[in-house]
C-alpha atoms as a PDB file:
ATOM      1  CA  MET A   1      -0.045  -0.076  -0.059  1.00  0.00           C
ATOM      2  CA  GLU A   2       2.764   2.309   0.975  1.00  0.00           C
ATOM      3  CA  THR A   3       4.824   1.705  -2.225  1.00  0.00           C
ATOM      4  CA  GLY A   4       1.763   2.468  -4.443  1.00  0.00           C
ATOM      5  CA  LYS A   5       1.292   5.790  -2.750  1.00  0.00           C
ATOM      6  CA  THR A   6       5.074   6.457  -3.332  1.00  0.00           C
ATOM      7  CA  ILE A   7       4.824   5.479  -7.037  1.00  0.00           C
ATOM      8  CA  GLY A   8       1.682   7.480  -7.493  1.00  0.00           C
ATOM      9  CA  GLY A   9       2.971  10.507  -5.855  1.00  0.00           C
ATOM     10  CA  ALA A  10       6.373  10.252  -8.118  1.00  0.00           C
ATOM     11  CA  LEU A  11       4.155   9.859 -11.193  1.00  0.00           C
ATOM     12  CA  CYS A  12       2.231  12.851 -10.454  1.00  0.00           C
ATOM     13  CA  LEU A  13       5.206  15.036  -9.658  1.00  0.00           C
ATOM     14  CA  ALA A  14       6.853  13.763 -12.883  1.00  0.00           C
ATOM     15  CA  LEU A  15       3.675  14.494 -14.728  1.00  0.00           C
ATOM     16  CA  PHE A  16       3.449  17.908 -13.250  1.00  0.00           C
ATOM     17  CA  LEU A  17       7.175  18.724 -14.087  1.00  0.00           C
ATOM     18  CA  LYS A  18       6.755  17.690 -17.629  1.00  0.00           C
ATOM     19  CA  LEU A  19       3.603  19.746 -18.144  1.00  0.00           C
ATOM     20  CA  PHE A  20       4.579  22.836 -16.753  1.00  0.00           C
ATOM     21  CA  LEU A  21       8.350  23.275 -15.954  1.00  0.00           C
ATOM     22  CA  PHE A  22      10.738  21.107 -18.160  1.00  0.00           C
ATOM     23  CA  ASP A  23      10.527  19.073 -21.236  1.00  0.00           C
ATOM     24  CA  PHE A  24      13.140  16.984 -23.114  1.00  0.00           C
ATOM     25  CA  MET A  25      13.280  16.871 -26.800  1.00  0.00           C
ATOM     26  CA  ILE A  26      15.442  15.177 -29.272  1.00  0.00           C
ATOM     27  CA  THR A  27      16.657  17.095 -32.344  1.00  0.00           C
ATOM     28  CA  GLU A  28      16.452  16.331 -36.053  1.00  0.00           C
ATOM     29  CA  GLY A  29      18.022  18.002 -39.033  1.00  0.00           C
ATOM     30  CA  GLN A  30      21.030  20.274 -39.395  1.00  0.00           C
ATOM     31  CA  SER A  31      19.666  23.563 -38.942  1.00  0.00           C
ATOM     32  CA  MET A  32      21.488  24.405 -35.597  1.00  0.00           C
ATOM     33  CA  THR A  33      24.642  22.635 -36.225  1.00  0.00           C
ATOM     34  CA  PRO A  34      27.367  23.061 -34.773  1.00  0.00           C
ATOM     35  CA  ALA A  35      25.801  24.468 -31.721  1.00  0.00           C
ATOM     36  CA  ILE A  36      23.113  21.440 -31.683  1.00  0.00           C
ATOM     37  CA  GLN A  37      23.937  18.228 -33.323  1.00  0.00           C
ATOM     38  CA  PRO A  38      21.243  15.856 -34.696  1.00  0.00           C
ATOM     39  CA  GLY A  39      20.172  13.472 -32.238  1.00  0.00           C
ATOM     40  CA  SER A  40      20.974  15.732 -29.073  1.00  0.00           C
ATOM     41  CA  ILE A  41      18.754  15.620 -26.255  1.00  0.00           C
ATOM     42  CA  LEU A  42      17.431  19.043 -25.143  1.00  0.00           C
ATOM     43  CA  VAL A  43      16.367  20.313 -21.799  1.00  0.00           C
ATOM     44  CA  VAL A  44      13.466  22.860 -22.434  1.00  0.00           C
ATOM     45  CA  HIS A  45      12.642  25.379 -19.657  1.00  0.00           C
ATOM     46  CA  LYS A  46       8.723  25.882 -20.208  1.00  0.00           C
ATOM     47  CA  LEU A  47       8.734  28.812 -17.571  1.00  0.00           C
ATOM     48  CA  ALA A  48      11.454  30.803 -18.812  1.00  0.00           C
ATOM     49  CA  TYR A  49       9.232  33.497 -20.307  1.00  0.00           C
ATOM     50  CA  GLY A  50       5.844  32.985 -18.741  1.00  0.00           C
ATOM     51  CA  LEU A  51       3.070  30.503 -17.716  1.00  0.00           C
ATOM     52  CA  ARG A  52       1.387  28.559 -20.528  1.00  0.00           C
ATOM     53  CA  LEU A  53      -1.152  25.831 -19.919  1.00  0.00           C
ATOM     54  CA  PRO A  54      -0.484  22.559 -21.837  1.00  0.00           C
ATOM     55  CA  GLY A  55      -2.099  22.851 -25.225  1.00  0.00           C
ATOM     56  CA  ALA A  56      -3.229  26.462 -24.690  1.00  0.00           C
ATOM     57  CA  GLU A  57      -2.663  28.994 -27.603  1.00  0.00           C
ATOM     58  CA  THR A  58      -1.421  31.882 -25.559  1.00  0.00           C
ATOM     59  CA  TYR A  59       0.579  32.409 -22.340  1.00  0.00           C
ATOM     60  CA  LEU A  60      -1.693  33.093 -18.965  1.00  0.00           C
ATOM     61  CA  LEU A  61       1.076  35.260 -17.595  1.00  0.00           C
ATOM     62  CA  TRP A  62       4.110  36.637 -19.562  1.00  0.00           C
ATOM     63  CA  TRP A  63       7.108  37.774 -17.439  1.00  0.00           C
ATOM     64  CA  THR A  64      10.083  38.394 -19.981  1.00  0.00           C
ATOM     65  CA  ALA A  65      10.738  38.189 -23.525  1.00  0.00           C
ATOM     66  CA  PRO A  66      13.558  36.168 -25.181  1.00  0.00           C
ATOM     67  CA  LYS A  67      16.783  37.855 -25.673  1.00  0.00           C
ATOM     68  CA  PRO A  68      18.630  37.749 -28.880  1.00  0.00           C
ATOM     69  CA  GLY A  69      20.808  34.868 -28.832  1.00  0.00           C
ATOM     70  CA  ASP A  70      18.424  32.785 -26.821  1.00  0.00           C
ATOM     71  CA  VAL A  71      17.816  29.120 -28.303  1.00  0.00           C
ATOM     72  CA  VAL A  72      14.078  28.758 -28.122  1.00  0.00           C
ATOM     73  CA  VAL A  73      11.494  26.073 -28.983  1.00  0.00           C
ATOM     74  CA  PHE A  74       8.313  27.235 -30.812  1.00  0.00           C
ATOM     75  CA  TYR A  75       5.593  26.527 -33.081  1.00  0.00           C
ATOM     76  CA  THR A  76       6.242  27.464 -36.493  1.00  0.00           C
ATOM     77  CA  PRO A  77       3.274  29.051 -38.846  1.00  0.00           C
ATOM     78  CA  GLY A  78       2.806  25.449 -40.065  1.00  0.00           C
ATOM     79  CA  ARG A  79       2.393  24.269 -36.524  1.00  0.00           C
ATOM     80  CA  ASP A  80       5.581  22.096 -36.455  1.00  0.00           C
ATOM     81  CA  ILE A  81       7.866  22.337 -33.431  1.00  0.00           C
ATOM     82  CA  ALA A  82      11.245  24.077 -34.207  1.00  0.00           C
ATOM     83  CA  VAL A  83      14.288  25.158 -32.368  1.00  0.00           C
ATOM     84  CA  LYS A  84      16.121  28.128 -33.556  1.00  0.00           C
ATOM     85  CA  ARG A  85      18.151  31.157 -32.230  1.00  0.00           C
ATOM     86  CA  CYS A  86      16.207  34.290 -31.644  1.00  0.00           C
ATOM     87  CA  ALA A  87      17.803  36.868 -33.563  1.00  0.00           C
ATOM     88  CA  LEU A  88      15.608  40.006 -33.363  1.00  0.00           C
ATOM     89  CA  LEU A  89      12.482  40.871 -31.394  1.00  0.00           C
ATOM     90  CA  THR A  90       9.600  43.181 -31.860  1.00  0.00           C
ATOM     91  CA  GLU A  91       6.812  43.970 -29.271  1.00  0.00           C
ATOM     92  CA  ARG A  92       4.848  40.824 -30.506  1.00  0.00           C
ATOM     93  CA  ALA A  93       7.228  38.846 -32.502  1.00  0.00           C
ATOM     94  CA  PHE A  94      10.759  37.631 -33.165  1.00  0.00           C
ATOM     95  CA  ILE A  95      12.927  36.354 -35.803  1.00  0.00           C
ATOM     96  CA  ALA A  96      14.162  32.709 -35.647  1.00  0.00           C
ATOM     97  CA  LEU A  97      17.314  31.768 -37.294  1.00  0.00           C
ATOM     98  CA  GLY A  98      19.128  28.487 -37.655  1.00  0.00           C
ATOM     99  CA  ASP A  99      22.850  28.472 -36.926  1.00  0.00           C
ATOM    100  CA  ASN A 100      23.329  26.457 -40.114  1.00  0.00           C
ATOM    101  CA  PRO A 101      21.554  28.861 -42.812  1.00  0.00           C
ATOM    102  CA  SER A 102      22.176  26.530 -45.728  1.00  0.00           C
ATOM    103  CA  HIS A 103      20.162  23.616 -44.038  1.00  0.00           C
ATOM    104  CA  SER A 104      17.671  25.829 -42.037  1.00  0.00           C
ATOM    105  CA  TYR A 105      14.023  26.636 -42.428  1.00  0.00           C
ATOM    106  CA  ASP A 106      13.444  29.614 -40.579  1.00  0.00           C
ATOM    107  CA  SER A 107      12.116  33.189 -40.466  1.00  0.00           C
ATOM    108  CA  ARG A 108      13.916  33.912 -43.895  1.00  0.00           C
ATOM    109  CA  ALA A 109      11.396  31.653 -45.295  1.00  0.00           C
ATOM    110  CA  TYR A 110       8.326  31.906 -43.052  1.00  0.00           C
ATOM    111  CA  GLY A 111       8.555  35.592 -41.557  1.00  0.00           C
ATOM    112  CA  PRO A 112       8.432  36.511 -37.631  1.00  0.00           C
ATOM    113  CA  ILE A 113       7.029  34.117 -35.092  1.00  0.00           C
ATOM    114  CA  PRO A 114       4.629  35.575 -32.579  1.00  0.00           C
ATOM    115  CA  LEU A 115       5.791  35.379 -29.011  1.00  0.00           C
ATOM    116  CA  SER A 116       2.923  33.533 -28.073  1.00  0.00           C
ATOM    117  CA  ASN A 117       4.060  30.696 -30.066  1.00  0.00           C
ATOM    118  CA  ILE A 118       7.354  30.188 -27.925  1.00  0.00           C
ATOM    119  CA  LEU A 119       7.067  26.801 -25.921  1.00  0.00           C
ATOM    120  CA  GLY A 120      10.190  27.416 -23.953  1.00  0.00           C
ATOM    121  CA  ARG A 121      14.050  28.191 -23.587  1.00  0.00           C
ATOM    122  CA  VAL A 122      16.615  25.526 -24.272  1.00  0.00           C
ATOM    123  CA  LEU A 123      18.600  25.194 -20.969  1.00  0.00           C
ATOM    124  CA  LEU A 124      20.957  22.182 -21.783  1.00  0.00           C
ATOM    125  CA  ARG A 125      21.920  20.770 -25.037  1.00  0.00           C
END
């Protein structure tokens, strides 16, 4: 009985952490080489810029914007998930650029990304 409570509590904590605080992603493609290699495991800080409920289109609370140079995870206009470097900000959008321009589908092709599309900032790569 006690073991079941411990396992249940650990699962609830892990789910909470994954939904609200951190996520793990495995990269594909060459767009961020040499900084991030294909197959790298990334740790994404979901609360870096604000509080967003899982699956929500916008943030409930927004406390800071990404800085130029931050590596962010976001939804592209086609609703794919991408990892790129934040290059330029406006009040509502940012320019996302891959470190490897010849292999990167980024804002040079699809334009500025709304800040609300950001899922988090890459912590570890």
